[in-house]
C-alpha atoms as a PDB file:
ATOM      1  CA  MET A   1       0.000   0.000   0.000  1.00  0.00           C
ATOM      2  CA  SER A   2       1.203   3.515  -0.721  1.00  0.00           C
ATOM      3  CA  ASN A   3       2.519   5.819   1.989  1.00  0.00           C
ATOM      4  CA  PHE A   4      -0.119   8.350   0.997  1.00  0.00           C
ATOM      5  CA  ILE A   5      -2.964   5.878   1.501  1.00  0.00           C
ATOM      6  CA  ASN A   6      -1.543   4.650   4.807  1.00  0.00           C
ATOM      7  CA  GLU A   7      -1.404   8.135   6.225  1.00  0.00           C
ATOM      8  CA  LEU A   8      -4.772   9.116   4.761  1.00  0.00           C
ATOM      9  CA  GLU A   9      -6.332   6.082   6.418  1.00  0.00           C
ATOM     10  CA  ASN A  10      -4.825   7.016   9.782  1.00  0.00           C
ATOM     11  CA  VAL A  11      -5.958  10.621   9.532  1.00  0.00           C
ATOM     12  CA  PHE A  12      -9.460   9.752   8.372  1.00  0.00           C
ATOM     13  CA  THR A  13      -9.843   7.249  11.209  1.00  0.00           C
ATOM     14  CA  THR A  14      -8.609   9.770  13.765  1.00  0.00           C
ATOM     15  CA  ASN A  15     -11.007  12.461  12.542  1.00  0.00           C
ATOM     16  CA  ALA A  16     -14.046  10.222  12.141  1.00  0.00           C
ATOM     17  CA  SER A  17     -17.374  11.386  13.571  1.00  0.00           C
ATOM     18  CA  ALA A  18     -20.054   8.774  14.156  1.00  0.00           C
ATOM     19  CA  GLU A  19     -22.716  11.466  14.444  1.00  0.00           C
ATOM     20  CA  ASN A  20     -21.776  13.052  11.115  1.00  0.00           C
ATOM     21  CA  ALA A  21     -21.496   9.631   9.505  1.00  0.00           C
ATOM     22  CA  VAL A  22     -25.113   8.775  10.319  1.00  0.00           C
ATOM     23  CA  ALA A  23     -26.350  11.978   8.678  1.00  0.00           C
ATOM     24  CA  MET A  24     -24.100  11.579   5.640  1.00  0.00           C
ATOM     25  CA  GLU A  25     -25.084   7.962   5.104  1.00  0.00           C
ATOM     26  CA  LYS A  26     -28.738   8.915   5.333  1.00  0.00           C
ATOM     27  CA  TYR A  27     -28.248  11.692   2.750  1.00  0.00           C
ATOM     28  CA  MET A  28     -26.691   9.159   0.386  1.00  0.00           C
ATOM     29  CA  LYS A  29     -29.598   6.750   0.908  1.00  0.00           C
ATOM     30  CA  GLY A  30     -27.423   4.245   2.729  1.00  0.00           C
ATOM     31  CA  HIS A  31     -25.378   3.382  -0.340  1.00  0.00           C
ATOM     32  CA  PHE A  32     -22.001   3.897   1.341  1.00  0.00           C
ATOM     33  CA  PRO A  33     -20.446   3.924   4.800  1.00  0.00           C
ATOM     34  CA  PHE A  34     -18.810   7.197   5.849  1.00  0.00           C
ATOM     35  CA  PHE A  35     -16.172   8.271   8.324  1.00  0.00           C
ATOM     36  CA  GLY A  36     -18.294  11.347   8.889  1.00  0.00           C
ATOM     37  CA  ILE A  37     -15.691  13.875   7.743  1.00  0.00           C
ATOM     38  CA  LYS A  38     -17.250  16.947   6.189  1.00  0.00           C
ATOM     39  CA  THR A  39     -16.055  18.242   2.843  1.00  0.00           C
ATOM     40  CA  ASP A  40     -13.884  21.167   3.953  1.00  0.00           C
ATOM     41  CA  MET A  41     -12.056  19.114   6.585  1.00  0.00           C
ATOM     42  CA  ARG A  42     -11.635  16.160   4.246  1.00  0.00           C
ATOM     43  CA  ARG A  43     -10.102  18.325   1.548  1.00  0.00           C
ATOM     44  CA  SER A  44      -7.811  20.012   4.063  1.00  0.00           C
ATOM     45  CA  LEU A  45      -6.609  16.667   5.428  1.00  0.00           C
ATOM     46  CA  HIS A  46      -6.139  15.327   1.908  1.00  0.00           C
ATOM     47  CA  LYS A  47      -4.201  18.418   0.820  1.00  0.00           C
ATOM     48  CA  ASP A  48      -1.771  18.258   3.733  1.00  0.00           C
ATOM     49  CA  ILE A  49      -0.941  14.607   3.088  1.00  0.00           C
ATOM     50  CA  ALA A  50      -0.777  15.094  -0.679  1.00  0.00           C
ATOM     51  CA  LEU A  51       1.851  17.811  -0.221  1.00  0.00           C
ATOM     52  CA  LYS A  52       3.900  15.433   1.899  1.00  0.00           C
ATOM     53  CA  TYR A  53       3.774  12.689  -0.719  1.00  0.00           C
ATOM     54  CA  ARG A  54       3.817  14.907  -3.779  1.00  0.00           C
ATOM     55  CA  ASP A  55       6.348  12.817  -5.716  1.00  0.00           C
ATOM     56  CA  GLU A  56       4.493   9.563  -5.090  1.00  0.00           C
ATOM     57  CA  LEU A  57       1.249  11.040  -6.320  1.00  0.00           C
ATOM     58  CA  LYS A  58       2.781  12.662  -9.376  1.00  0.00           C
ATOM     59  CA  GLN A  59       4.198   9.316 -10.436  1.00  0.00           C
ATOM     60  CA  ASN A  60       1.374   7.003  -9.384  1.00  0.00           C
ATOM     61  CA  ALA A  61      -1.838   9.051  -9.221  1.00  0.00           C
ATOM     62  CA  ARG A  62      -3.853   6.586 -11.265  1.00  0.00           C
ATOM     63  CA  GLU A  63      -2.781   3.556  -9.249  1.00  0.00           C
ATOM     64  CA  VAL A  64      -3.370   5.332  -5.935  1.00  0.00           C
ATOM     65  CA  ALA A  65      -6.820   6.473  -7.027  1.00  0.00           C
ATOM     66  CA  ALA A  66      -7.773   2.968  -8.137  1.00  0.00           C
ATOM     67  CA  ALA A  67      -6.641   1.588  -4.765  1.00  0.00           C
ATOM     68  CA  LEU A  68      -8.654   4.219  -2.898  1.00  0.00           C
ATOM     69  CA  TYR A  69     -11.753   3.275  -4.875  1.00  0.00           C
ATOM     70  CA  ILE A  70     -11.570  -0.296  -3.598  1.00  0.00           C
ATOM     71  CA  LYS A  71     -12.027   0.905  -0.015  1.00  0.00           C
ATOM     72  CA  GLU A  72     -15.461   1.097   1.540  1.00  0.00           C
ATOM     73  CA  GLN A  73     -15.830   4.550   3.079  1.00  0.00           C
ATOM     74  CA  ARG A  74     -17.052   7.218   0.690  1.00  0.00           C
ATOM     75  CA  GLU A  75     -14.413   9.735   1.745  1.00  0.00           C
ATOM     76  CA  TYR A  76     -11.772   7.542   0.072  1.00  0.00           C
ATOM     77  CA  HIS A  77     -13.652   7.738  -3.224  1.00  0.00           C
ATOM     78  CA  TYR A  78     -13.864  11.520  -2.978  1.00  0.00           C
ATOM     79  CA  SER A  79     -10.128  11.685  -2.325  1.00  0.00           C
ATOM     80  CA  ALA A  80      -9.463   9.490  -5.354  1.00  0.00           C
ATOM     81  CA  ILE A  81     -11.444  11.842  -7.566  1.00  0.00           C
ATOM     82  CA  ASP A  82      -9.818  14.952  -6.056  1.00  0.00           C
ATOM     83  CA  LEU A  83      -6.403  13.417  -6.665  1.00  0.00           C
ATOM     84  CA  LEU A  84      -7.145  12.702 -10.322  1.00  0.00           C
ATOM     85  CA  MET A  85      -8.737  16.101 -10.878  1.00  0.00           C
ATOM     86  CA  LYS A  86      -5.473  17.707  -9.780  1.00  0.00           C
ATOM     87  CA  GLU A  87      -2.918  15.379 -11.321  1.00  0.00           C
ATOM     88  CA  LEU A  88      -4.606  14.621 -14.644  1.00  0.00           C
ATOM     89  CA  LYS A  89      -5.836  18.118 -15.519  1.00  0.00           C
ATOM     90  CA  LYS A  90      -4.560  18.843 -19.048  1.00  0.00           C
ATOM     91  CA  ASN A  91      -2.276  15.862 -18.556  1.00  0.00           C
ATOM     92  CA  PHE A  92      -4.486  12.950 -19.583  1.00  0.00           C
ATOM     93  CA  ARG A  93      -3.173   9.906 -21.381  1.00  0.00           C
ATOM     94  CA  ASP A  94      -4.966   8.263 -24.279  1.00  0.00           C
ATOM     95  CA  ASP A  95      -5.860   5.197 -22.222  1.00  0.00           C
ATOM     96  CA  ASP A  96      -7.231   7.156 -19.265  1.00  0.00           C
ATOM     97  CA  ILE A  97     -10.731   6.628 -20.649  1.00  0.00           C
ATOM     98  CA  VAL A  98     -10.518   3.104 -19.211  1.00  0.00           C
ATOM     99  CA  LEU A  99      -9.956   4.470 -15.700  1.00  0.00           C
ATOM    100  CA  ILE A 100     -12.618   7.149 -16.154  1.00  0.00           C
ATOM    101  CA  GLU A 101     -15.191   4.576 -17.230  1.00  0.00           C
ATOM    102  CA  HIS A 102     -14.246   2.393 -14.277  1.00  0.00           C
ATOM    103  CA  LEU A 103     -14.903   5.269 -11.875  1.00  0.00           C
ATOM    104  CA  LEU A 104     -18.250   6.003 -13.512  1.00  0.00           C
ATOM    105  CA  VAL A 105     -19.562   2.454 -13.197  1.00  0.00           C
ATOM    106  CA  THR A 106     -17.990   1.515  -9.847  1.00  0.00           C
ATOM    107  CA  LYS A 107     -19.730   2.384  -6.570  1.00  0.00           C
ATOM    108  CA  SER A 108     -21.820   4.777  -8.617  1.00  0.00           C
ATOM    109  CA  TRP A 109     -24.056   7.472  -7.251  1.00  0.00           C
ATOM    110  CA  TRP A 110     -24.754  11.043  -8.339  1.00  0.00           C
ATOM    111  CA  ASP A 111     -22.081  12.577  -6.097  1.00  0.00           C
ATOM    112  CA  SER A 112     -19.165  10.723  -7.673  1.00  0.00           C
ATOM    113  CA  VAL A 113     -20.559  10.432 -11.187  1.00  0.00           C
ATOM    114  CA  ASP A 114     -21.152  14.170 -11.488  1.00  0.00           C
ATOM    115  CA  LEU A 115     -17.575  15.019 -10.485  1.00  0.00           C
ATOM    116  CA  VAL A 116     -16.053  12.385 -12.755  1.00  0.00           C
ATOM    117  CA  SER A 117     -18.280  13.442 -15.653  1.00  0.00           C
ATOM    118  CA  LYS A 118     -17.444  17.124 -15.494  1.00  0.00           C
ATOM    119  CA  TYR A 119     -13.820  17.152 -14.445  1.00  0.00           C
ATOM    120  CA  LEU A 120     -12.393  13.866 -15.708  1.00  0.00           C
ATOM    121  CA  LEU A 121     -14.502  12.805 -18.691  1.00  0.00           C
ATOM    122  CA  GLY A 122     -14.997  16.431 -19.693  1.00  0.00           C
ATOM    123  CA  GLY A 123     -11.305  17.195 -19.357  1.00  0.00           C
ATOM    124  CA  TYR A 124     -10.291  14.046 -21.201  1.00  0.00           C
ATOM    125  CA  LEU A 125     -12.559  14.758 -24.169  1.00  0.00           C
ATOM    126  CA  GLU A 126     -11.312  18.339 -24.346  1.00  0.00           C
ATOM    127  CA  GLN A 127      -7.768  17.026 -24.622  1.00  0.00           C
ATOM    128  CA  TYR A 128      -8.755  14.223 -27.031  1.00  0.00           C
ATOM    129  CA  PRO A 129     -11.584  15.639 -29.168  1.00  0.00           C
ATOM    130  CA  ASP A 130     -11.038  12.869 -31.696  1.00  0.00           C
ATOM    131  CA  LYS A 131     -12.283  10.419 -29.046  1.00  0.00           C
ATOM    132  CA  LYS A 132     -15.503  12.309 -28.382  1.00  0.00           C
ATOM    133  CA  GLU A 133     -17.924  10.735 -30.834  1.00  0.00           C
ATOM    134  CA  GLU A 134     -16.787   7.173 -30.190  1.00  0.00           C
ATOM    135  CA  THR A 135     -16.884   7.616 -26.423  1.00  0.00           C
ATOM    136  CA  VAL A 136     -20.235   9.384 -26.409  1.00  0.00           C
ATOM    137  CA  SER A 137     -21.732   6.759 -28.719  1.00  0.00           C
ATOM    138  CA  ARG A 138     -20.559   3.924 -26.477  1.00  0.00           C
ATOM    139  CA  PHE A 139     -21.631   5.538 -23.229  1.00  0.00           C
ATOM    140  CA  THR A 140     -25.008   6.796 -24.433  1.00  0.00           C
ATOM    141  CA  THR A 141     -26.083   3.374 -25.726  1.00  0.00           C
ATOM    142  CA  SER A 142     -24.873   1.547 -22.624  1.00  0.00           C
ATOM    143  CA  PRO A 143     -27.456  -0.111 -20.358  1.00  0.00           C
ATOM    144  CA  ASN A 144     -25.613   1.579 -17.474  1.00  0.00           C
ATOM    145  CA  MET A 145     -27.634   4.648 -16.470  1.00  0.00           C
ATOM    146  CA  TRP A 146     -24.586   6.416 -14.992  1.00  0.00           C
ATOM    147  CA  LEU A 147     -22.708   6.254 -18.288  1.00  0.00           C
ATOM    148  CA  ASN A 148     -25.799   7.737 -19.944  1.00  0.00           C
ATOM    149  CA  ARG A 149     -25.804  10.532 -17.358  1.00  0.00           C
ATOM    150  CA  SER A 150     -22.105  11.235 -17.914  1.00  0.00           C
ATOM    151  CA  VAL A 151     -22.741  11.912 -21.608  1.00  0.00           C
ATOM    152  CA  LEU A 152     -25.288  14.565 -20.673  1.00  0.00           C
ATOM    153  CA  LEU A 153     -23.040  16.228 -18.094  1.00  0.00           C
ATOM    154  CA  PHE A 154     -19.466  16.106 -19.383  1.00  0.00           C
ATOM    155  CA  GLN A 155     -19.776  19.503 -21.102  1.00  0.00           C
ATOM    156  CA  LEU A 156     -20.880  21.347 -17.946  1.00  0.00           C
ATOM    157  CA  GLY A 157     -17.690  23.390 -17.792  1.00  0.00           C
ATOM    158  CA  TYR A 158     -17.374  24.006 -21.520  1.00  0.00           C
ATOM    159  CA  LYS A 159     -19.472  27.209 -21.647  1.00  0.00           C
ATOM    160  CA  ASN A 160     -19.024  28.764 -25.131  1.00  0.00           C
ATOM    161  CA  LYS A 161     -17.104  25.679 -26.254  1.00  0.00           C
ATOM    162  CA  THR A 162     -20.166  23.477 -25.743  1.00  0.00           C
ATOM    163  CA  ASP A 163     -21.000  21.293 -28.721  1.00  0.00           C
ATOM    164  CA  GLN A 164     -24.631  22.384 -29.002  1.00  0.00           C
ATOM    165  CA  GLN A 165     -25.521  19.808 -31.631  1.00  0.00           C
ATOM    166  CA  LEU A 166     -24.214  16.982 -29.449  1.00  0.00           C
ATOM    167  CA  LEU A 167     -25.899  18.312 -26.315  1.00  0.00           C
ATOM    168  CA  PHE A 168     -29.310  18.662 -27.930  1.00  0.00           C
ATOM    169  CA  ARG A 169     -28.951  15.306 -29.664  1.00  0.00           C
ATOM    170  CA  GLU A 170     -28.224  13.511 -26.407  1.00  0.00           C
ATOM    171  CA  CYS A 171     -31.057  15.282 -24.605  1.00  0.00           C
ATOM    172  CA  LEU A 172     -33.438  14.087 -27.313  1.00  0.00           C
ATOM    173  CA  ARG A 173     -32.020  10.578 -27.174  1.00  0.00           C
ATOM    174  CA  HIS A 174     -32.803  10.270 -23.470  1.00  0.00           C
ATOM    175  CA  LYS A 175     -35.815  12.570 -23.156  1.00  0.00           C
ATOM    176  CA  ASP A 176     -38.288   9.731 -22.635  1.00  0.00           C
ATOM    177  CA  SER A 177     -36.284   8.089 -19.870  1.00  0.00           C
ATOM    178  CA  ASN A 178     -38.175   7.514 -16.639  1.00  0.00           C
ATOM    179  CA  GLU A 179     -34.949   7.642 -14.621  1.00  0.00           C
ATOM    180  CA  PHE A 180     -34.947  10.595 -12.240  1.00  0.00           C
ATOM    181  CA  PHE A 181     -31.195  11.057 -12.612  1.00  0.00           C
ATOM    182  CA  ILE A 182     -31.443  11.216 -16.398  1.00  0.00           C
ATOM    183  CA  GLN A 183     -34.327  13.683 -16.400  1.00  0.00           C
ATOM    184  CA  LYS A 184     -32.472  15.821 -13.880  1.00  0.00           C
ATOM    185  CA  ALA A 185     -29.234  15.668 -15.878  1.00  0.00           C
ATOM    186  CA  ILE A 186     -30.971  16.821 -19.063  1.00  0.00           C
ATOM    187  CA  GLY A 187     -32.362  19.836 -17.252  1.00  0.00           C
ATOM    188  CA  TRP A 188     -29.083  20.637 -15.526  1.00  0.00           C
ATOM    189  CA  ALA A 189     -27.052  20.432 -18.733  1.00  0.00           C
ATOM    190  CA  LEU A 190     -29.497  22.692 -20.568  1.00  0.00           C
ATOM    191  CA  ARG A 191     -29.648  25.160 -17.675  1.00  0.00           C
ATOM    192  CA  GLU A 192     -25.868  25.495 -17.687  1.00  0.00           C
ATOM    193  CA  TYR A 193     -25.742  25.961 -21.445  1.00  0.00           C
ATOM    194  CA  ALA A 194     -28.497  28.580 -21.189  1.00  0.00           C
ATOM    195  CA  LYS A 195     -26.000  30.763 -19.318  1.00  0.00           C
ATOM    196  CA  VAL A 196     -24.193  31.310 -22.615  1.00  0.00           C
ATOM    197  CA  ASN A 197     -27.009  30.682 -25.098  1.00  0.00           C
ATOM    198  CA  THR A 198     -30.398  31.296 -23.511  1.00  0.00           C
ATOM    199  CA  ALA A 199     -32.317  31.731 -26.754  1.00  0.00           C
ATOM    200  CA  SER A 200     -31.214  28.411 -28.217  1.00  0.00           C
ATOM    201  CA  VAL A 201     -32.065  26.528 -25.042  1.00  0.00           C
ATOM    202  CA  LYS A 202     -35.510  28.119 -24.791  1.00  0.00           C
ATOM    203  CA  ASP A 203     -36.215  27.280 -28.413  1.00  0.00           C
ATOM    204  CA  PHE A 204     -34.999  23.715 -27.969  1.00  0.00           C
ATOM    205  CA  VAL A 205     -37.051  23.142 -24.817  1.00  0.00           C
ATOM    206  CA  ALA A 206     -40.171  24.539 -26.511  1.00  0.00           C
ATOM    207  CA  LYS A 207     -39.918  21.971 -29.294  1.00  0.00           C
ATOM    208  CA  ALA A 208     -38.245  18.930 -27.710  1.00  0.00           C
ATOM    209  CA  GLY A 209     -41.095  17.377 -25.727  1.00  0.00           C
ATOM    210  CA  LEU A 210     -38.990  16.880 -22.609  1.00  0.00           C
ATOM    211  CA  LYS A 211     -40.286  15.430 -19.349  1.00  0.00           C
ATOM    212  CA  PRO A 212     -41.676  18.068 -16.934  1.00  0.00           C
ATOM    213  CA  LEU A 213     -38.740  17.684 -14.533  1.00  0.00           C
ATOM    214  CA  SER A 214     -36.240  18.319 -17.333  1.00  0.00           C
ATOM    215  CA  VAL A 215     -38.181  21.379 -18.476  1.00  0.00           C
ATOM    216  CA  ARG A 216     -38.347  22.843 -14.954  1.00  0.00           C
ATOM    217  CA  GLU A 217     -34.648  22.341 -14.414  1.00  0.00           C
ATOM    218  CA  ALA A 218     -33.681  23.661 -17.847  1.00  0.00           C
ATOM    219  CA  LEU A 219     -35.669  26.893 -17.529  1.00  0.00           C
ATOM    220  CA  LYS A 220     -35.054  27.521 -13.830  1.00  0.00           C
ATOM    221  CA  ASN A 221     -32.886  30.591 -14.523  1.00  0.00           C
ATOM    222  CA  ALA A 222     -33.989  31.399 -18.071  1.00  0.00           C
END
């Protein structure tokens, strides 16, 4: 096991709060056990240890993240994603899509999937635009709902660089889904794009026949 993970485990255990853990587990519908470490403290603890083991993480970020994802407590998964967001930003490798897909389909829930979609899948496809259509096609036709959601959300940070044609196409592809997380993702993606192109989003929503939840979310700030 890596020195970083050993120390992170010790620090997380020391700072665990049973009271916080109960509330956090309830919020996540009982899908994961928690140490009960709130976000600001967790990130602070992670940052201090990451500075100490900077060289290890620079060289082995992917392996460390994969090892963290095997662990049970949700804070480890958040740390894995935070680590990759920092170390892989504008420094992705061609084969990182394998790791990104693994994170999307492993111990999946909205909290992890949304971060991975925006910061890892989104960043990867910005760096490798030639991979976009193949990746989107594979993810959007997958029976895995979280991969479908990632296709709707990966452009969240793109702003004016958003591929409007792709966004609208994927919203239409999934518009009849009865999955709450898909309906919500459609609305969220459109709402974010409306910040840079309100008229196009309003026109699209008026004609697309989206589910009511998607419409409400899309036009929330329009």
